[in-house]
């Protein structure tokens, strides 16, 4: 018995010794693992990052999905540089390129989704949908075998279903007013032109109006065609609307600027740490040098819009109206990768001819004049522009302009809040103007489709009791004006409704904008019809 106890004690002692030795080895390895790694072992300023990635590969407990980690890291990495350097995975890069190329493969319609159903608002003339027989006002129920109506599908997903390679077929099934059954249309997708000029028309006998939505690959040629047509109609003065134009191709901004400037006028210059200064000058061959020019900008006018506005202002070529522009003055250079992805890397800054840097400070809390807020249902905005007196610059004609980011207009016109009250805000939130326009079209489709001129369209709308119809519709949706709310909001609301209905006519945007802009105070001021 004693021998057994001694053997047991000996075995326990041996096990303790072994345990201690194993623990010592583990502790030694752990201490070794905590030794500092030389982050300068790689001859690069990125040495620490490279060492960390190498250490992860050699020591991480599980397999690493290198592709996923890379795709997750790159957007954050680019964001640390500046607000506009960006990484684009293959799908995003393709979409971004298409939006500026001036065309894409699709079926050739525009639609909105006011109540969980896509309603065709425009059929592109000569496009595949028009050839197949789709009409404005058709409600799209199915795309091939996929039901898209009443299933809470987002608009982007609907677009992806309808788009596809040129030459492929898609079946669009629609519900048409007056027809009991769904009507299927087999449509062969084709290249669809995307115009960057939303509308061009004569505001009055001598003043033209052109709205440019983006600086796309075709913008310059579109402008030449539109301006030539307006000159035939007697245009001596042009209102060029760049509000909400977030930019696009630099060369298009240079070409459009060249149309208005004299030979030798500086348009813009660019400069960066690794890039020498580049000056861009007008050649004096522009076709609009004798056209009086007014340029409209707002807080969403950016990049190429600011280059154009800055060139016109610093050369004393145009009067700039509106509020301070966005302040995007960084030049991005695209770099493409073989997997279909790419980056847009900031390489230079833009400067106006007087030397103003267009780029605003990067700080998120930078006070940029435009303050939109609701108070008791009323919409307010800033009533002045703050300038930095230490950043004074001089135009070609000797006028003082200010830097600090963005383009400060010559004539400040704040956000027009006339007519904005609780009733108007509720209508907007519920989308009642759009919904009533759809309802009106359903009841008046044939008559509306017969209106081919603005004059006949307005006469048709005047005869339809739109005011009482909309108020009844709003009340049925639980929205009724109080006190004098309707008197104050009436012109604004009815103009929006009439303009939205006009989109369902053959005129499309050529009916929408001439009506919609009649209550646009900034356009009236630029046209000389109102005082600022």
Protein backbone atom coordinates (compact mmCIF):
# COMPACT_ATOMS: atom_id res chain seq x y z
CA UNK A 1 0.00 0.00 0.00
CA UNK A 2 2.86 2.35 0.92
CA UNK A 3 4.64 1.56 -2.37
CA UNK A 4 1.46 2.47 -4.28
CA UNK A 5 1.26 5.81 -2.51
CA UNK A 6 4.90 6.56 -3.28
CA UNK A 7 4.37 5.69 -6.94
CA UNK A 8 1.33 7.98 -7.03
CA UNK A 9 3.29 10.87 -5.46
CA UNK A 10 6.13 10.33 -7.96
CA UNK A 11 3.71 10.30 -10.92
CA UNK A 12 1.99 13.48 -9.67
CA UNK A 13 5.35 15.21 -9.27
CA UNK A 14 6.39 14.22 -12.80
CA UNK A 15 3.08 15.56 -14.18
CA UNK A 16 3.55 18.87 -12.36
CA UNK A 17 7.07 19.19 -13.75
CA UNK A 18 5.79 18.49 -17.28
CA UNK A 19 2.94 21.02 -16.82
CA UNK A 20 5.37 23.69 -15.60
CA UNK A 21 7.70 23.02 -18.56
CA UNK A 22 4.80 23.30 -21.05
CA UNK A 23 3.61 26.52 -19.40
CA UNK A 24 7.12 27.91 -19.55
CA UNK A 25 7.32 27.13 -23.28
CA UNK A 26 3.94 28.78 -23.95
CA UNK A 27 4.87 31.86 -21.94
CA UNK A 28 8.17 32.10 -23.78
CA UNK A 29 6.38 31.88 -27.13
CA UNK A 30 3.86 34.49 -26.00
CA UNK A 31 6.67 36.79 -24.91
CA UNK A 32 8.38 36.17 -28.24
CA UNK A 33 5.08 37.00 -29.99
CA UNK A 34 4.91 40.30 -28.13
CA UNK A 35 8.27 41.39 -29.41
CA UNK A 36 8.16 44.61 -31.41
CA UNK A 37 8.04 44.19 -35.18
CA UNK A 38 10.22 46.55 -37.16
CA UNK A 39 7.74 48.63 -39.18
CA UNK A 40 10.66 50.14 -41.10
CA UNK A 41 11.72 46.79 -42.46
CA UNK A 42 10.06 47.67 -45.77
CA UNK A 43 11.47 50.61 -47.66
CA UNK A 44 8.22 52.56 -48.02
CA UNK A 45 6.17 55.21 -46.21
CA UNK A 46 3.44 52.55 -46.18
CA UNK A 47 5.73 50.13 -44.28
CA UNK A 48 3.53 49.81 -41.18
CA UNK A 49 0.47 48.94 -43.26
CA UNK A 50 2.42 46.36 -45.26
CA UNK A 51 3.86 44.79 -42.10
CA UNK A 52 0.40 44.54 -40.51
CA UNK A 53 -1.04 42.84 -43.58
CA UNK A 54 1.90 40.44 -43.72
CA UNK A 55 1.54 39.67 -39.99
CA UNK A 56 -2.17 38.98 -40.45
CA UNK A 57 -1.45 36.55 -43.29
CA UNK A 58 1.20 34.68 -41.31
CA UNK A 59 -0.49 34.52 -37.90
CA UNK A 60 -4.29 34.95 -38.03
CA UNK A 61 -6.25 32.10 -36.49
CA UNK A 62 -8.49 31.49 -39.52
CA UNK A 63 -8.31 31.87 -43.28
CA UNK A 64 -8.60 35.47 -44.45
CA UNK A 65 -10.93 36.41 -47.30
CA UNK A 66 -8.46 38.76 -48.96
CA UNK A 67 -10.95 40.00 -51.57
CA UNK A 68 -13.59 40.94 -48.99
CA UNK A 69 -11.08 42.64 -46.69
CA UNK A 70 -9.69 44.62 -49.63
CA UNK A 71 -13.17 45.70 -50.81
CA UNK A 72 -14.05 46.79 -47.25
CA UNK A 73 -10.81 48.66 -46.62
CA UNK A 74 -10.49 50.62 -49.86
CA UNK A 75 -13.58 52.89 -49.50
CA UNK A 76 -12.50 53.85 -45.96
CA UNK A 77 -8.93 54.41 -47.11
CA UNK A 78 -9.99 56.75 -49.93
CA UNK A 79 -12.41 58.61 -47.65
CA UNK A 80 -9.51 59.58 -45.38
CA UNK A 81 -7.88 61.57 -48.20
CA UNK A 82 -10.60 64.09 -49.08
CA UNK A 83 -14.38 64.16 -49.66
CA UNK A 84 -14.12 63.32 -53.37
CA UNK A 85 -11.43 60.67 -53.76
CA UNK A 86 -13.36 57.43 -54.04
CA UNK A 87 -13.05 53.71 -54.72
CA UNK A 88 -15.65 52.25 -57.09
CA UNK A 89 -16.28 48.49 -57.27
CA UNK A 90 -17.12 47.16 -60.76
CA UNK A 91 -20.91 47.67 -60.57
CA UNK A 92 -20.65 51.22 -59.20
CA UNK A 93 -17.97 52.19 -61.73
CA UNK A 94 -20.10 51.00 -64.65
CA UNK A 95 -23.11 52.95 -63.38
CA UNK A 96 -21.05 56.10 -62.78
CA UNK A 97 -19.56 55.94 -66.27
CA UNK A 98 -22.96 55.40 -67.91
CA UNK A 99 -24.47 58.45 -66.20
CA UNK A 100 -21.95 60.71 -67.93
CA UNK A 101 -21.41 58.95 -71.26
CA UNK A 102 -24.68 60.22 -72.70
CA UNK A 103 -26.27 56.83 -73.24
CA UNK A 104 -26.98 53.36 -71.89
CA UNK A 105 -28.67 50.15 -72.99
CA UNK A 106 -32.34 49.98 -71.99
CA UNK A 107 -35.96 50.31 -73.11
CA UNK A 108 -36.29 54.11 -73.35
CA UNK A 109 -38.79 55.30 -70.76
CA UNK A 110 -38.92 57.52 -67.71
CA UNK A 111 -41.19 56.64 -64.81
CA UNK A 112 -42.00 57.57 -61.24
CA UNK A 113 -43.32 55.46 -58.36
CA UNK A 114 -45.83 57.57 -56.42
CA UNK A 115 -47.68 54.68 -54.77
CA UNK A 116 -45.69 51.45 -55.11
CA UNK A 117 -46.40 51.22 -58.86
CA UNK A 118 -44.14 52.44 -61.67
CA UNK A 119 -46.05 54.88 -63.88
CA UNK A 120 -44.55 55.84 -67.25
CA UNK A 121 -44.09 59.62 -67.38
CA UNK A 122 -42.20 59.80 -70.66
CA UNK A 123 -41.53 57.55 -73.65
CA UNK A 124 -38.36 58.52 -75.55
CA UNK A 125 -39.18 59.35 -79.14
CA UNK A 126 -37.71 56.77 -81.49
CA UNK A 127 -36.76 54.48 -78.61
CA UNK A 128 -37.60 50.79 -78.31
CA UNK A 129 -40.58 51.36 -75.97
CA UNK A 130 -42.21 53.82 -78.35
CA UNK A 131 -41.72 51.38 -81.23
CA UNK A 132 -43.29 48.62 -79.15
CA UNK A 133 -46.30 50.75 -78.24
CA UNK A 134 -45.86 51.84 -74.61
CA UNK A 135 -47.68 55.07 -73.71
CA UNK A 136 -47.34 57.76 -71.08
CA UNK A 137 -49.48 56.83 -68.09
CA UNK A 138 -49.08 53.06 -68.46
CA UNK A 139 -48.63 51.32 -65.11
CA UNK A 140 -45.89 48.69 -65.19
CA UNK A 141 -47.04 45.56 -63.36
CA UNK A 142 -44.49 42.94 -64.47
CA UNK A 143 -41.02 42.83 -66.00
CA UNK A 144 -40.71 39.42 -67.65
CA UNK A 145 -42.11 37.09 -64.93
CA UNK A 146 -41.26 39.39 -62.00
CA UNK A 147 -44.13 41.35 -60.45
CA UNK A 148 -42.90 44.83 -59.51
CA UNK A 149 -46.19 46.54 -58.56
CA UNK A 150 -47.48 46.45 -55.00
CA UNK A 151 -44.47 44.56 -53.63
CA UNK A 152 -42.50 47.47 -52.12
CA UNK A 153 -39.72 47.16 -54.72
CA UNK A 154 -37.34 50.11 -54.77
CA UNK A 155 -36.95 52.15 -57.94
CA UNK A 156 -33.30 51.17 -58.51
CA UNK A 157 -34.25 47.49 -58.54
CA UNK A 158 -36.98 48.20 -61.10
CA UNK A 159 -34.48 49.98 -63.32
CA UNK A 160 -32.03 47.05 -63.14
CA UNK A 161 -34.75 44.64 -64.26
CA UNK A 162 -35.62 46.79 -67.29
CA UNK A 163 -32.07 47.54 -68.38
CA UNK A 164 -29.93 45.01 -70.18
CA UNK A 165 -27.56 44.54 -73.12
CA UNK A 166 -28.53 45.97 -76.49
CA UNK A 167 -30.38 43.42 -78.61
CA UNK A 168 -31.85 41.45 -75.73
CA UNK A 169 -35.61 41.10 -75.22
CA UNK A 170 -37.67 42.03 -72.17
CA UNK A 171 -41.44 41.69 -71.74
CA UNK A 172 -43.12 44.62 -70.00
CA UNK A 173 -46.71 43.96 -68.87
CA UNK A 174 -48.73 47.12 -68.18
CA UNK A 175 -52.15 48.13 -66.91
CA UNK A 176 -53.56 50.76 -69.27
CA UNK A 177 -56.43 53.09 -68.54
CA UNK A 178 -59.68 51.72 -70.03
CA UNK A 179 -58.30 48.19 -70.47
CA UNK A 180 -59.38 45.38 -68.14
CA UNK A 181 -56.47 43.02 -68.78
CA UNK A 182 -52.71 43.42 -68.58
CA UNK A 183 -51.09 44.24 -71.92
CA UNK A 184 -47.69 42.59 -72.56
CA UNK A 185 -45.12 44.33 -74.77
CA UNK A 186 -42.03 42.54 -76.09
CA UNK A 187 -39.30 45.17 -76.25
CA UNK A 188 -35.84 44.78 -77.76
CA UNK A 189 -33.38 46.80 -75.70
CA UNK A 190 -31.27 49.36 -77.53
CA UNK A 191 -28.84 52.19 -76.90
CA UNK A 192 -30.77 54.99 -75.16
CA UNK A 193 -29.51 58.57 -75.45
CA UNK A 194 -29.35 60.49 -72.17
CA UNK A 195 -29.69 64.22 -72.69
CA UNK A 196 -27.98 66.56 -70.23
CA UNK A 197 -30.09 69.57 -71.29
CA UNK A 198 -33.44 69.14 -69.58
CA UNK A 199 -35.15 71.91 -71.52
CA UNK A 200 -34.45 74.88 -73.81
CA UNK A 201 -37.15 77.42 -74.68
CA UNK A 202 -37.79 81.14 -75.10
CA UNK A 203 -38.77 82.73 -71.79
CA UNK A 204 -39.92 85.86 -73.61
CA UNK A 205 -39.37 87.44 -77.01
CA UNK A 206 -35.63 88.06 -76.46
CA UNK A 207 -34.62 85.88 -73.49
CA UNK A 208 -33.86 82.18 -73.80
CA UNK A 209 -33.69 79.65 -71.00
CA UNK A 210 -31.53 76.51 -70.93
CA UNK A 211 -31.31 74.10 -68.00
CA UNK A 212 -28.24 71.84 -67.94
CA UNK A 213 -28.53 68.94 -65.48
CA UNK A 214 -24.94 67.65 -65.76
CA UNK A 215 -21.76 68.06 -67.79
CA UNK A 216 -22.00 64.81 -69.73
CA UNK A 217 -20.03 63.69 -72.78
CA UNK A 218 -22.66 65.16 -75.11
CA UNK A 219 -23.36 68.43 -73.24
CA UNK A 220 -21.41 70.73 -75.54
CA UNK A 221 -23.02 69.42 -78.73
CA UNK A 222 -26.46 69.53 -77.08
CA UNK A 223 -25.85 73.14 -76.07
CA UNK A 224 -24.72 74.20 -79.54
CA UNK A 225 -27.91 72.77 -81.04
CA UNK A 226 -30.17 74.31 -78.38
CA UNK A 227 -28.51 77.74 -78.50
CA UNK A 228 -28.64 77.84 -82.31
CA UNK A 229 -32.38 77.10 -82.25
CA UNK A 230 -33.02 79.80 -79.63
CA UNK A 231 -31.03 82.36 -81.63
CA UNK A 232 -33.29 81.61 -84.61
CA UNK A 233 -36.23 82.46 -82.35
CA UNK A 234 -34.72 85.83 -81.44
CA UNK A 235 -32.60 85.14 -78.36
CA UNK A 236 -30.43 88.08 -77.34
CA UNK A 237 -30.09 87.09 -73.71
CA UNK A 238 -29.72 83.66 -72.09
CA UNK A 239 -30.62 82.41 -68.62
CA UNK A 240 -28.34 79.41 -68.11
CA UNK A 241 -29.62 77.33 -65.19
CA UNK A 242 -26.95 75.29 -63.39
CA UNK A 243 -28.90 74.75 -60.17
CA UNK A 244 -28.47 71.20 -58.83
CA UNK A 245 -25.89 70.49 -61.55
CA UNK A 246 -23.23 68.55 -59.65
CA UNK A 247 -20.66 68.62 -62.46
CA UNK A 248 -19.18 66.01 -64.76
CA UNK A 249 -16.55 66.13 -67.49
CA UNK A 250 -14.05 69.00 -67.27
CA UNK A 251 -13.62 69.27 -71.03
CA UNK A 252 -17.34 70.02 -71.42
CA UNK A 253 -17.09 72.88 -68.92
CA UNK A 254 -14.12 74.26 -70.87
CA UNK A 255 -15.91 73.98 -74.22
CA UNK A 256 -19.06 75.66 -72.91
CA UNK A 257 -17.03 78.45 -71.27
CA UNK A 258 -15.21 78.96 -74.55
CA UNK A 259 -18.55 79.68 -76.27
CA UNK A 260 -18.94 82.91 -74.29
CA UNK A 261 -15.40 84.24 -73.74
CA UNK A 262 -12.99 86.28 -75.84
CA UNK A 263 -9.69 85.02 -77.15
CA UNK A 264 -7.07 84.82 -74.40
CA UNK A 265 -9.52 84.90 -71.50
CA UNK A 266 -8.41 82.51 -68.77
CA UNK A 267 -11.11 79.92 -68.02
CA UNK A 268 -9.56 78.04 -65.10
CA UNK A 269 -6.22 76.78 -63.88
CA UNK A 270 -5.30 73.62 -61.99
CA UNK A 271 -2.39 72.88 -59.71
CA UNK A 272 -1.31 70.05 -57.38
CA UNK A 273 1.71 68.85 -55.43
CA UNK A 274 2.75 66.40 -58.14
CA UNK A 275 1.26 68.29 -61.11
CA UNK A 276 2.45 71.58 -62.53
CA UNK A 277 0.04 74.45 -63.02
CA UNK A 278 -2.14 74.09 -66.12
CA UNK A 279 -3.87 77.16 -67.58
CA UNK A 280 -6.92 76.83 -69.83
CA UNK A 281 -7.70 79.75 -72.19
CA UNK A 282 -10.54 80.64 -74.55
CA UNK A 283 -9.73 80.62 -78.27
CA UNK A 284 -12.17 83.37 -79.28
CA UNK A 285 -14.21 81.18 -81.66
CA UNK A 286 -17.29 80.85 -79.43
CA UNK A 287 -20.71 81.34 -81.01
CA UNK A 288 -22.31 83.08 -78.01
CA UNK A 289 -19.86 85.92 -77.40
CA UNK A 290 -22.54 88.52 -78.12
CA UNK A 291 -25.27 86.89 -76.04
CA UNK A 292 -26.00 88.60 -72.71
CA UNK A 293 -25.69 85.93 -70.02
CA UNK A 294 -27.25 85.22 -66.62
CA UNK A 295 -26.12 82.12 -64.71
CA UNK A 296 -28.22 80.53 -61.95
CA UNK A 297 -26.51 78.56 -59.17
CA UNK A 298 -27.47 77.08 -55.82
CA UNK A 299 -25.89 75.11 -52.99
CA UNK A 300 -25.89 71.95 -55.14
CA UNK A 301 -24.09 73.49 -58.13
CA UNK A 302 -20.65 71.89 -58.02
CA UNK A 303 -17.41 71.13 -59.82
CA UNK A 304 -17.78 71.86 -63.56
CA UNK A 305 -20.75 74.14 -62.78
CA UNK A 306 -18.48 76.18 -60.53
CA UNK A 307 -15.71 76.27 -63.14
CA UNK A 308 -18.17 77.71 -65.67
CA UNK A 309 -19.73 80.19 -63.23
CA UNK A 310 -16.30 81.26 -61.92
CA UNK A 311 -14.95 81.82 -65.45
CA UNK A 312 -17.97 83.95 -66.38
CA UNK A 313 -17.79 85.96 -63.15
CA UNK A 314 -14.04 86.60 -63.10
CA UNK A 315 -14.05 87.65 -66.76
CA UNK A 316 -17.05 89.94 -66.09
CA UNK A 317 -18.90 88.02 -68.76
CA UNK A 318 -22.11 87.18 -66.87
CA UNK A 319 -24.15 88.05 -63.82
CA UNK A 320 -24.36 85.17 -61.36
CA UNK A 321 -27.66 84.78 -59.47
CA UNK A 322 -28.63 82.61 -56.52
CA UNK A 323 -26.74 81.42 -53.45
CA UNK A 324 -23.20 80.29 -52.83
CA UNK A 325 -22.37 77.12 -54.77
CA UNK A 326 -21.27 73.81 -53.26
CA UNK A 327 -17.49 74.28 -53.25
CA UNK A 328 -16.08 71.21 -55.03
CA UNK A 329 -12.80 72.34 -56.48
CA UNK A 330 -10.77 69.14 -56.60
CA UNK A 331 -9.63 67.42 -59.78
CA UNK A 332 -10.17 63.64 -59.82
CA UNK A 333 -8.17 61.42 -62.15
CA UNK A 334 -9.69 58.00 -62.92
CA UNK A 335 -7.53 54.90 -62.51
CA UNK A 336 -9.01 51.64 -63.83
CA UNK A 337 -8.18 48.10 -62.70
CA UNK A 338 -8.41 44.85 -64.63
CA UNK A 339 -11.19 43.47 -62.39
CA UNK A 340 -13.52 46.25 -63.56
CA UNK A 341 -13.11 48.41 -60.46
CA UNK A 342 -11.35 51.75 -60.23
CA UNK A 343 -10.56 54.80 -58.18
CA UNK A 344 -11.01 58.49 -58.70
CA UNK A 345 -8.03 60.13 -57.06
CA UNK A 346 -7.73 63.85 -56.36
CA UNK A 347 -4.60 65.16 -58.05
CA UNK A 348 -5.13 68.94 -58.33
CA UNK A 349 -7.24 71.88 -57.17
CA UNK A 350 -9.28 74.17 -59.40
CA UNK A 351 -8.71 77.93 -59.29
CA UNK A 352 -10.83 80.59 -60.97
CA UNK A 353 -9.11 83.14 -63.24
CA UNK A 354 -8.77 85.62 -60.34
CA UNK A 355 -7.01 82.98 -58.22
CA UNK A 356 -9.86 81.81 -55.99
CA UNK A 357 -9.72 78.17 -54.91
CA UNK A 358 -13.17 76.68 -55.55
CA UNK A 359 -12.78 73.93 -52.91
CA UNK A 360 -14.44 74.66 -49.58
CA UNK A 361 -12.83 73.53 -46.28
CA UNK A 362 -13.26 69.83 -45.54
CA UNK A 363 -14.75 70.34 -42.06
CA UNK A 364 -18.25 68.90 -41.71
CA UNK A 365 -19.40 71.82 -39.58
CA UNK A 366 -18.28 74.49 -42.05
CA UNK A 367 -20.95 77.22 -42.08
CA UNK A 368 -22.06 77.43 -45.69
CA UNK A 369 -24.82 80.03 -45.57
CA UNK A 370 -27.72 77.80 -46.56
CA UNK A 371 -29.81 76.89 -43.53
CA UNK A 372 -33.06 75.03 -44.25
CA UNK A 373 -35.30 74.34 -41.30
CA UNK A 374 -38.95 73.97 -40.42
CA UNK A 375 -40.54 76.08 -37.69
CA UNK A 376 -44.30 75.82 -37.14
CA UNK A 377 -44.53 74.35 -40.64
CA UNK A 378 -42.68 77.27 -42.24
CA UNK A 379 -39.52 76.84 -44.30
CA UNK A 380 -36.71 79.33 -43.68
CA UNK A 381 -33.28 79.92 -45.21
CA UNK A 382 -30.26 82.09 -44.61
CA UNK A 383 -30.76 85.68 -45.72
CA UNK A 384 -27.15 86.65 -46.35
CA UNK A 385 -23.79 85.29 -47.46
CA UNK A 386 -20.86 85.39 -45.08
CA UNK A 387 -17.59 86.39 -46.74
CA UNK A 388 -14.00 86.38 -45.57
CA UNK A 389 -12.56 89.87 -46.04
CA UNK A 390 -9.05 88.39 -45.98
CA UNK A 391 -9.81 86.48 -49.19
CA UNK A 392 -10.43 89.31 -51.66
CA UNK A 393 -9.73 88.84 -55.35
CA UNK A 394 -10.20 91.04 -58.41
CA UNK A 395 -12.04 90.28 -61.65
CA UNK A 396 -10.82 91.21 -65.11
CA UNK A 397 -12.81 94.44 -64.89
CA UNK A 398 -11.61 95.33 -61.39
CA UNK A 399 -14.57 94.12 -59.32
CA UNK A 400 -13.96 92.54 -55.93
CA UNK A 401 -14.93 88.90 -55.45
CA UNK A 402 -14.36 86.66 -52.46
CA UNK A 403 -12.76 83.27 -51.95
CA UNK A 404 -13.27 80.72 -49.20
CA UNK A 405 -14.89 78.00 -51.26
CA UNK A 406 -17.63 77.91 -53.87
CA UNK A 407 -18.81 80.75 -56.10
CA UNK A 408 -20.52 83.66 -54.38
CA UNK A 409 -23.22 85.09 -56.68
CA UNK A 410 -23.27 88.71 -57.81
CA UNK A 411 -26.97 88.87 -56.96
CA UNK A 412 -27.91 86.94 -53.83
CA UNK A 413 -31.40 85.46 -54.02
CA UNK A 414 -32.21 83.28 -50.99
CA UNK A 415 -34.52 80.31 -51.01
CA UNK A 416 -38.03 81.49 -51.80
CA UNK A 417 -40.29 80.42 -48.92
CA UNK A 418 -43.42 82.26 -50.05
CA UNK A 419 -46.31 79.82 -49.98
CA UNK A 420 -44.51 77.31 -47.78
CA UNK A 421 -46.71 76.55 -44.78
CA UNK A 422 -48.01 73.53 -42.89
CA UNK A 423 -50.54 72.63 -45.57
CA UNK A 424 -47.92 72.78 -48.32
CA UNK A 425 -45.44 70.75 -46.27
CA UNK A 426 -48.02 68.02 -45.59
CA UNK A 427 -48.93 67.83 -49.28
CA UNK A 428 -45.26 67.42 -50.18
CA UNK A 429 -44.65 64.77 -47.54
CA UNK A 430 -47.55 62.69 -48.84
CA UNK A 431 -46.69 63.36 -52.49
CA UNK A 432 -50.23 64.59 -53.13
CA UNK A 433 -49.26 66.75 -56.12
CA UNK A 434 -47.80 63.74 -57.93
CA UNK A 435 -50.65 61.46 -56.93
CA UNK A 436 -53.29 63.93 -58.09
CA UNK A 437 -51.46 64.41 -61.42
CA UNK A 438 -51.62 60.62 -61.93
CA UNK A 439 -55.32 60.57 -61.01
CA UNK A 440 -56.02 63.47 -63.37
CA UNK A 441 -54.27 61.68 -66.23
CA UNK A 442 -56.29 58.51 -65.69
CA UNK A 443 -59.49 60.55 -66.04
CA UNK A 444 -58.31 62.74 -68.94
CA UNK A 445 -55.77 60.63 -70.86
CA UNK A 446 -57.17 61.08 -74.37
CA UNK A 447 -57.69 64.83 -74.01
CA UNK A 448 -54.25 65.35 -72.50
CA UNK A 449 -52.52 63.37 -75.24
CA UNK A 450 -54.12 65.69 -77.83
CA UNK A 451 -52.35 68.79 -76.47
CA UNK A 452 -49.27 69.45 -78.59
CA UNK A 453 -48.63 73.14 -77.86
CA UNK A 454 -48.13 74.97 -74.58
CA UNK A 455 -51.01 77.33 -75.34
CA UNK A 456 -53.48 74.52 -76.01
CA UNK A 457 -52.24 72.62 -72.95
CA UNK A 458 -52.81 75.61 -70.66
CA UNK A 459 -56.29 76.17 -72.10
CA UNK A 460 -57.11 72.50 -71.57
CA UNK A 461 -55.93 72.63 -67.94
CA UNK A 462 -57.84 75.88 -67.31
CA UNK A 463 -61.07 74.12 -68.26
CA UNK A 464 -60.69 71.19 -65.89
CA UNK A 465 -61.31 72.67 -62.43
CA UNK A 466 -57.95 71.61 -61.09
CA UNK A 467 -58.16 73.81 -57.98
CA UNK A 468 -61.35 72.29 -56.59
CA UNK A 469 -60.28 68.85 -57.74
CA UNK A 470 -56.99 69.01 -55.86
CA UNK A 471 -58.52 70.40 -52.67
CA UNK A 472 -61.09 67.58 -52.64
CA UNK A 473 -58.34 65.05 -53.31
CA UNK A 474 -56.19 66.48 -50.48
CA UNK A 475 -59.14 66.41 -48.08
CA UNK A 476 -59.82 62.78 -48.98
CA UNK A 477 -56.23 62.08 -47.97
CA UNK A 478 -56.65 63.85 -44.63
CA UNK A 479 -55.03 67.18 -45.53
CA UNK A 480 -57.10 70.39 -45.37
CA UNK A 481 -55.81 73.97 -45.25
CA UNK A 482 -56.37 76.08 -42.14
CA UNK A 483 -57.12 79.80 -41.97
CA UNK A 484 -55.34 81.50 -44.91
CA UNK A 485 -53.02 78.58 -45.75
CA UNK A 486 -54.62 77.92 -49.13
CA UNK A 487 -54.46 81.57 -50.18
CA UNK A 488 -50.75 81.60 -49.37
CA UNK A 489 -49.89 78.21 -50.90
CA UNK A 490 -52.35 78.26 -53.80
CA UNK A 491 -50.11 79.53 -56.62
CA UNK A 492 -47.22 77.29 -55.63
CA UNK A 493 -49.30 74.12 -55.29
CA UNK A 494 -51.41 74.61 -58.42
CA UNK A 495 -48.33 75.44 -60.50
CA UNK A 496 -46.68 72.21 -59.36
CA UNK A 497 -49.82 70.19 -60.10
CA UNK A 498 -50.28 71.70 -63.56
CA UNK A 499 -46.61 71.16 -64.40
CA UNK A 500 -46.73 67.53 -63.29
CA UNK A 501 -49.84 66.92 -65.37
CA UNK A 502 -48.09 68.54 -68.35
CA UNK A 503 -45.43 65.82 -68.20
CA UNK A 504 -48.10 63.33 -69.28
CA UNK A 505 -48.77 65.34 -72.44
CA UNK A 506 -46.76 64.92 -75.66
CA UNK A 507 -44.75 68.00 -74.60
CA UNK A 508 -43.12 66.20 -71.66
CA UNK A 509 -40.49 68.41 -70.05
CA UNK A 510 -41.16 71.10 -72.66
CA UNK A 511 -44.56 71.40 -71.01
CA UNK A 512 -43.39 70.85 -67.44
CA UNK A 513 -40.67 73.50 -67.14
CA UNK A 514 -42.40 76.50 -68.80
CA UNK A 515 -45.27 76.01 -66.33
CA UNK A 516 -43.21 75.06 -63.29
CA UNK A 517 -40.82 78.00 -63.60
CA UNK A 518 -43.59 80.62 -63.58
CA UNK A 519 -43.40 80.67 -59.77
CA UNK A 520 -39.60 80.51 -59.70
CA UNK A 521 -38.54 83.86 -58.26
CA UNK A 522 -34.89 83.41 -59.21
CA UNK A 523 -35.73 83.00 -62.91
CA UNK A 524 -38.01 86.05 -62.80
CA UNK A 525 -35.24 88.12 -61.20
CA UNK A 526 -32.66 86.94 -63.75
CA UNK A 527 -35.14 87.83 -66.52
CA UNK A 528 -35.49 91.35 -65.10
CA UNK A 529 -39.15 90.86 -64.17
CA UNK A 530 -38.67 91.18 -60.40
CA UNK A 531 -36.31 92.95 -58.04
CA UNK A 532 -34.02 90.85 -55.79
